[in-house]
Amino acid sequence: METVRFGRTGLEVSLISLGTWSHGGPNKAGERSVGWSGYDRDQSKQGLIDAFDEGINHWDTADVYGGGRSEELIGEVLKQVDRSELVLASKVGWDPGPHEHFYHPEWMRSQLQGSLVRLGTEVLDIYYLHHCDFGPDNSYFDDAIAAMLRFKEEGLIRHIGLSDWSASRIMSVIDRVNPDVVQPYRNLMDDDYESSGLKGWIEEHDAGVAFFSPLKHGLLLGKYDEPVSFPDGDFRQNVPEFMDASLLERLSANKRHLMERFSEHPNPVLYGVVGPLTEDSRSSCVLMGQRNPAQVRSAASVAMRMSQEDASWVRQLFSDLGTS
């Protein structure tokens, strides 16, 4: 398993790391679907064990994934594997609790304590601010950062992370947060990593970076021949591209091109979609959802650096499909 020096944290993390959003199963926040269907608890648990055995040593979760179910499942597995060999990350911020805004310091502490209990660990290696909404004029920012620094001083967390779906929003607060690790949304269709200035900041400040949703929720694999809908509780209900027949047809065509280009690879499409994301960022890893043993095996097979030539070819193939 190829590893990456995770910037100034000094941690060595697997190039392909483990995202556990889908391990929380179907879920809703109010009327909005925010989870994943097709969840099988036993398969997910075995997938975690297999990921550990494969050397996938960086596991990322959050307090709100499945209302804590993801963390609880990881906690069960941590009783069977060596915790010291894992880099464990969680997040806080999406659940405001009884307060009228995100990042109330008392609620942040309560959520952190809950995460530690569910995970069965005394410390998190990375603790992320889950998003960059700090209220009007960032009025709740100072209290949120002060809380994170206290958690670090108390030894409850080792490194502070910052996450958001938009690299531009991350950039709006990144200097004030000065995170050790950044977790932005990035894939071949939605990629403002460089244009936002985030890539330059990462390199200048020697930070780690973990890209999430690299497959655009599976869409980029080109496996959907026609528009598809998802059951209640599945986040993919909110992604309109799954209903775009023209786009699905073009992605299917891209799949064929990737299979031809990387025909000698055991998983040519997955390798083609994921590889470019770490080619241009040496302190980066990719968070892939791996909720069963088969997905773990596939993920492990693409944990290798792609050449600049191949990455440029893939980016060109997808260049007219998204917001890059």
Protein backbone atom coordinates (compact mmCIF):
# COMPACT_ATOMS: atom_id res chain seq x y z
CA MET A 1 0.00 0.00 0.00
CA GLU A 2 1.57 3.29 -1.08
CA THR A 3 1.55 5.91 1.66
CA VAL A 4 1.75 9.69 1.71
CA ARG A 5 3.41 12.05 4.15
CA PHE A 6 0.36 14.00 5.33
CA GLY A 7 2.05 17.38 5.30
CA ARG A 8 3.30 18.89 8.52
CA THR A 9 1.34 16.40 10.62
CA GLY A 10 4.14 13.96 9.88
CA LEU A 11 1.56 11.18 9.63
CA GLU A 12 1.93 8.52 6.97
CA VAL A 13 -1.47 7.77 5.45
CA SER A 14 -2.49 5.39 2.70
CA LEU A 15 -2.81 6.99 -0.73
CA ILE A 16 -6.29 5.55 -0.93
CA SER A 17 -7.93 6.16 2.43
CA LEU A 18 -11.30 5.14 3.83
CA GLY A 19 -14.36 7.38 3.92
CA THR A 20 -17.21 6.05 6.04
CA TRP A 21 -20.15 8.30 5.17
CA SER A 22 -21.95 5.33 3.60
CA HIS A 23 -21.31 3.21 6.72
CA GLY A 24 -24.03 5.20 8.46
CA GLY A 25 -26.70 3.79 6.13
CA PRO A 26 -29.82 5.68 5.02
CA ASN A 27 -30.44 8.87 6.96
CA LYS A 28 -32.41 12.12 6.81
CA ALA A 29 -31.93 15.62 8.15
CA GLY A 30 -35.44 17.00 8.28
CA GLU A 31 -36.87 16.27 4.85
CA ARG A 32 -33.48 16.02 3.12
CA SER A 33 -31.88 12.65 2.44
CA VAL A 34 -28.31 12.66 3.75
CA GLY A 35 -27.30 9.00 3.98
CA TRP A 36 -26.73 5.99 1.72
CA SER A 37 -28.94 3.09 0.77
CA GLY A 38 -27.67 -0.44 0.19
CA TYR A 39 -26.09 -0.60 3.63
CA ASP A 40 -25.33 -4.00 5.11
CA ARG A 41 -23.88 -3.81 8.60
CA ASP A 42 -22.04 -7.13 8.52
CA GLN A 43 -20.54 -6.40 5.11
CA SER A 44 -19.46 -2.93 6.24
CA LYS A 45 -17.85 -4.31 9.37
CA GLN A 46 -15.94 -6.94 7.41
CA GLY A 47 -14.93 -4.25 4.94
CA LEU A 48 -13.33 -2.24 7.74
CA ILE A 49 -11.39 -5.27 8.94
CA ASP A 50 -10.25 -6.03 5.40
CA ALA A 51 -9.22 -2.39 4.88
CA PHE A 52 -6.99 -2.63 7.95
CA ASP A 53 -5.45 -5.84 6.63
CA GLU A 54 -4.84 -4.18 3.23
CA GLY A 55 -2.92 -1.34 4.89
CA ILE A 56 -5.63 1.27 4.36
CA ASN A 57 -4.71 3.01 7.60
CA HIS A 58 -6.54 6.36 7.45
CA TRP A 59 -10.24 6.20 8.36
CA ASP A 60 -12.49 9.24 8.19
CA THR A 61 -15.91 9.58 9.79
CA ALA A 62 -18.18 12.21 11.39
CA ASP A 63 -20.57 12.58 14.28
CA VAL A 64 -23.56 12.86 11.93
CA TYR A 65 -22.94 9.89 9.64
CA GLY A 66 -25.99 7.78 10.32
CA GLY A 67 -26.57 9.74 13.53
CA GLY A 68 -23.45 8.13 15.02
CA ARG A 69 -23.85 4.65 13.48
CA SER A 70 -20.67 5.00 11.43
CA GLU A 71 -18.59 5.84 14.49
CA GLU A 72 -20.20 3.04 16.50
CA LEU A 73 -19.32 0.49 13.81
CA ILE A 74 -15.72 1.70 13.67
CA GLY A 75 -15.61 1.49 17.47
CA GLU A 76 -16.56 -2.18 17.31
CA VAL A 77 -13.81 -2.88 14.78
CA LEU A 78 -11.22 -0.99 16.83
CA LYS A 79 -11.65 -3.69 19.48
CA GLN A 80 -10.34 -6.21 16.94
CA VAL A 81 -7.44 -4.30 15.35
CA ASP A 82 -4.47 -2.28 16.59
CA ARG A 83 -5.71 1.29 17.07
CA SER A 84 -2.13 2.60 17.13
CA GLU A 85 -1.70 1.64 13.47
CA LEU A 86 -4.61 3.80 12.35
CA VAL A 87 -4.99 7.50 11.62
CA LEU A 88 -8.52 8.21 12.84
CA ALA A 89 -10.43 11.36 11.88
CA SER A 90 -13.89 12.68 12.70
CA LYS A 91 -15.76 15.95 12.29
CA VAL A 92 -18.06 18.37 14.07
CA GLY A 93 -20.40 21.07 12.84
CA TRP A 94 -23.36 19.75 10.89
CA ASP A 95 -25.53 19.13 13.94
CA PRO A 96 -26.33 22.40 15.79
CA GLY A 97 -28.00 20.49 18.62
CA PRO A 98 -30.24 22.67 20.80
CA HIS A 99 -28.60 25.88 19.55
CA GLU A 100 -29.63 28.24 16.77
CA HIS A 101 -26.30 28.09 14.98
CA PHE A 102 -23.46 25.70 14.19
CA TYR A 103 -20.31 25.50 16.27
CA HIS A 104 -21.59 26.41 19.72
CA PRO A 105 -18.55 25.60 21.95
CA GLU A 106 -20.52 23.63 24.55
CA TRP A 107 -22.19 21.55 21.85
CA MET A 108 -18.86 21.00 20.08
CA ARG A 109 -17.44 19.55 23.28
CA SER A 110 -20.50 17.37 23.77
CA GLN A 111 -20.21 16.09 20.21
CA LEU A 112 -16.49 15.41 20.57
CA GLN A 113 -17.06 13.47 23.77
CA GLY A 114 -19.78 11.48 22.03
CA SER A 115 -17.48 10.67 19.13
CA LEU A 116 -14.72 9.50 21.45
CA VAL A 117 -17.14 7.23 23.33
CA ARG A 118 -18.65 5.75 20.16
CA LEU A 119 -15.22 5.17 18.66
CA GLY A 120 -13.81 3.81 21.88
CA THR A 121 -10.68 5.93 21.67
CA GLU A 122 -9.11 8.54 23.93
CA VAL A 123 -7.88 10.81 21.14
CA LEU A 124 -8.65 11.66 17.52
CA ASP A 125 -5.68 12.05 15.21
CA ILE A 126 -7.57 14.66 13.15
CA TYR A 127 -10.69 16.60 14.08
CA TYR A 128 -12.36 18.62 11.33
CA LEU A 129 -14.56 21.64 11.30
CA HIS A 130 -17.10 20.00 8.99
CA HIS A 131 -17.92 23.14 6.99
CA CYS A 132 -17.13 26.84 6.76
CA ASP A 133 -20.46 28.32 7.85
CA PHE A 134 -19.57 30.35 10.94
CA GLY A 135 -22.68 32.52 10.88
CA PRO A 136 -23.25 36.09 9.66
CA ASP A 137 -19.89 37.88 9.28
CA ASN A 138 -18.24 34.74 10.71
CA SER A 139 -19.53 35.84 14.10
CA TYR A 140 -19.13 32.37 15.65
CA PHE A 141 -15.69 31.75 14.20
CA ASP A 142 -13.53 32.83 17.15
CA ASP A 143 -15.41 30.67 19.66
CA ALA A 144 -15.23 27.65 17.35
CA ILE A 145 -11.48 27.97 16.85
CA ALA A 146 -10.91 28.56 20.55
CA ALA A 147 -12.81 25.35 21.29
CA MET A 148 -10.70 23.37 18.81
CA LEU A 149 -7.49 24.72 20.30
CA ARG A 150 -8.66 23.75 23.80
CA PHE A 151 -9.42 20.22 22.60
CA LYS A 152 -5.89 20.03 21.25
CA GLU A 153 -4.34 21.40 24.44
CA GLU A 154 -6.29 18.85 26.47
CA GLY A 155 -4.95 16.02 24.33
CA LEU A 156 -8.37 15.04 22.95
CA ILE A 157 -7.31 15.73 19.37
CA ARG A 158 -3.89 15.86 17.72
CA HIS A 159 -4.45 17.89 14.55
CA ILE A 160 -7.07 20.41 13.42
CA GLY A 161 -8.76 19.97 10.04
CA LEU A 162 -11.02 22.12 7.86
CA SER A 163 -13.57 20.75 5.39
CA ASP A 164 -16.16 22.06 2.96
CA TRP A 165 -17.80 21.23 -0.37
CA SER A 166 -16.31 24.43 -1.83
CA ALA A 167 -12.57 25.09 -1.98
CA SER A 168 -13.40 28.79 -2.35
CA ARG A 169 -15.26 28.78 0.98
CA ILE A 170 -12.32 27.00 2.55
CA MET A 171 -10.03 29.71 1.22
CA SER A 172 -12.19 32.43 2.77
CA VAL A 173 -11.19 31.32 6.30
CA ILE A 174 -8.12 29.16 5.84
CA ASP A 175 -5.54 31.70 7.00
CA ARG A 176 -7.45 32.29 10.23
CA VAL A 177 -7.90 28.57 10.90
CA ASN A 178 -4.42 27.54 9.72
CA PRO A 179 -5.47 23.88 9.56
CA ASP A 180 -3.02 21.00 9.60
CA VAL A 181 -5.22 19.07 7.16
CA VAL A 182 -7.82 20.22 4.64
CA GLN A 183 -10.65 18.10 3.26
CA PRO A 184 -12.21 19.53 0.08
CA TYR A 185 -14.66 18.07 -2.42
CA ARG A 186 -12.82 17.13 -5.60
CA ASN A 187 -13.44 14.93 -8.62
CA LEU A 188 -12.92 15.10 -12.37
CA MET A 189 -16.15 17.04 -12.94
CA ASP A 190 -16.03 19.38 -9.95
CA ASP A 191 -12.51 20.65 -9.43
CA ASP A 192 -11.66 24.11 -8.11
CA TYR A 193 -8.68 22.84 -6.13
CA GLU A 194 -6.13 24.83 -8.10
CA SER A 195 -8.25 27.72 -9.42
CA SER A 196 -9.43 28.61 -5.90
CA GLY A 197 -5.86 28.97 -4.66
CA LEU A 198 -6.19 26.02 -2.28
CA LYS A 199 -3.51 23.97 -4.00
CA GLY A 200 -1.02 26.82 -3.61
CA TRP A 201 -1.92 27.30 0.06
CA ILE A 202 -1.47 23.59 0.78
CA GLU A 203 1.98 23.58 -0.79
CA GLU A 204 3.10 26.81 0.88
CA HIS A 205 1.96 25.72 4.35
CA ASP A 206 2.89 22.04 4.07
CA ALA A 207 -0.61 20.87 4.98
CA GLY A 208 -2.17 17.49 4.33
CA VAL A 209 -5.15 17.23 2.02
CA ALA A 210 -7.82 14.52 1.76
CA PHE A 211 -10.15 14.70 -1.25
CA PHE A 212 -13.70 13.47 -0.67
CA SER A 213 -16.34 12.20 -3.12
CA PRO A 214 -13.72 11.43 -5.81
CA LEU A 215 -16.21 9.34 -7.80
CA LYS A 216 -18.96 11.97 -7.59
CA HIS A 217 -21.02 9.44 -5.63
CA GLY A 218 -20.27 6.70 -8.18
CA LEU A 219 -21.51 8.70 -11.16
CA LEU A 220 -18.10 9.02 -12.83
CA LEU A 221 -17.65 5.26 -13.14
CA GLY A 222 -20.04 5.33 -16.11
CA LYS A 223 -22.08 2.39 -14.85
CA TYR A 224 -25.52 4.00 -15.23
CA ASP A 225 -27.02 3.50 -18.70
CA GLU A 226 -30.17 5.47 -17.98
CA PRO A 227 -31.50 7.94 -15.40
CA VAL A 228 -31.71 6.43 -11.94
CA SER A 229 -33.55 7.38 -8.76
CA PHE A 230 -32.61 6.42 -5.22
CA PRO A 231 -34.71 5.50 -2.18
CA ASP A 232 -35.58 7.81 0.65
CA GLY A 233 -32.62 8.52 2.92
CA ASP A 234 -30.07 8.30 0.11
CA PHE A 235 -28.08 11.50 -0.51
CA ARG A 236 -27.92 10.76 -4.24
CA GLN A 237 -31.54 11.89 -4.48
CA ASN A 238 -30.08 15.41 -4.34
CA VAL A 239 -27.67 14.97 -7.28
CA PRO A 240 -29.49 15.99 -10.49
CA GLU A 241 -26.80 14.55 -12.77
CA PHE A 242 -28.14 11.06 -12.06
CA MET A 243 -31.24 12.04 -14.04
CA ASP A 244 -29.32 13.59 -16.97
CA ALA A 245 -29.54 11.00 -19.76
CA SER A 246 -27.15 12.89 -22.03
CA LEU A 247 -24.48 13.14 -19.34
CA LEU A 248 -24.86 9.47 -18.43
CA GLU A 249 -24.33 8.53 -22.06
CA ARG A 250 -21.13 10.58 -22.24
CA LEU A 251 -19.85 9.08 -19.01
CA SER A 252 -20.49 5.61 -20.41
CA ALA A 253 -18.40 6.59 -23.42
CA ASN A 254 -15.63 7.81 -21.12
CA LYS A 255 -15.78 4.48 -19.33
CA ARG A 256 -15.00 2.70 -22.60
CA HIS A 257 -12.05 5.03 -23.25
CA LEU A 258 -10.66 4.41 -19.76
CA MET A 259 -11.00 0.66 -20.17
CA GLU A 260 -8.99 0.84 -23.36
CA ARG A 261 -6.32 3.21 -22.03
CA PHE A 262 -5.73 1.29 -18.80
CA SER A 263 -6.61 -2.18 -20.04
CA GLU A 264 -3.74 -3.81 -18.14
CA HIS A 265 -5.01 -2.53 -14.80
CA PRO A 266 -7.40 -4.82 -12.87
CA ASN A 267 -9.78 -1.88 -12.30
CA PRO A 268 -9.14 0.44 -15.25
CA VAL A 269 -12.11 2.76 -14.80
CA LEU A 270 -11.64 3.26 -11.08
CA TYR A 271 -7.92 3.84 -11.57
CA GLY A 272 -8.60 6.35 -14.34
CA VAL A 273 -11.11 8.35 -12.31
CA VAL A 274 -9.12 8.42 -9.07
CA GLY A 275 -5.52 8.61 -10.28
CA PRO A 276 -5.40 12.24 -11.44
CA LEU A 277 -6.51 13.55 -8.04
CA THR A 278 -3.24 12.73 -6.31
CA GLU A 279 -0.90 13.16 -9.27
CA ASP A 280 -0.64 16.92 -8.79
CA SER A 281 -0.63 17.05 -4.98
CA ARG A 282 2.08 15.17 -3.12
CA SER A 283 0.65 15.52 0.39
CA SER A 284 -2.78 14.26 -0.64
CA CYS A 285 -4.86 11.15 -0.28
CA VAL A 286 -8.27 10.21 -1.65
CA LEU A 287 -11.15 9.21 0.62
CA MET A 288 -13.11 6.39 -0.99
CA GLY A 289 -16.25 4.83 0.40
CA GLN A 290 -15.58 1.11 0.91
CA ARG A 291 -18.56 -0.49 2.56
CA ASN A 292 -17.89 -4.13 1.71
CA PRO A 293 -14.89 -6.40 1.09
CA ALA A 294 -15.21 -6.21 -2.71
CA GLN A 295 -15.00 -2.41 -2.65
CA VAL A 296 -11.99 -2.60 -0.34
CA ARG A 297 -10.18 -4.88 -2.79
CA SER A 298 -10.95 -2.52 -5.65
CA ALA A 299 -9.79 0.50 -3.67
CA ALA A 300 -6.54 -1.18 -2.68
CA SER A 301 -5.82 -2.01 -6.31
CA VAL A 302 -5.72 1.68 -7.33
CA ALA A 303 -3.43 2.85 -4.51
CA MET A 304 -0.62 3.87 -6.86
CA ARG A 305 0.55 7.13 -8.39
CA MET A 306 -0.56 7.92 -11.91
CA SER A 307 1.93 9.40 -14.37
CA GLN A 308 1.57 13.04 -15.37
CA GLU A 309 0.99 11.98 -18.96
CA ASP A 310 -1.88 9.66 -18.07
CA ALA A 311 -3.39 12.17 -15.63
CA SER A 312 -3.37 14.90 -18.30
CA TRP A 313 -5.04 12.55 -20.75
CA VAL A 314 -7.80 11.69 -18.27
CA ARG A 315 -8.40 15.33 -17.34
CA GLN A 316 -8.79 16.18 -21.02
CA LEU A 317 -11.28 13.35 -21.44
CA PHE A 318 -13.50 14.85 -18.73
CA SER A 319 -12.70 18.52 -19.36
CA ASP A 320 -15.99 19.50 -21.00
CA LEU A 321 -18.26 17.81 -18.46
CA GLY A 322 -17.93 19.86 -15.28
CA THR A 323 -16.80 23.02 -13.53
CA SER A 324 -13.03 22.48 -13.68
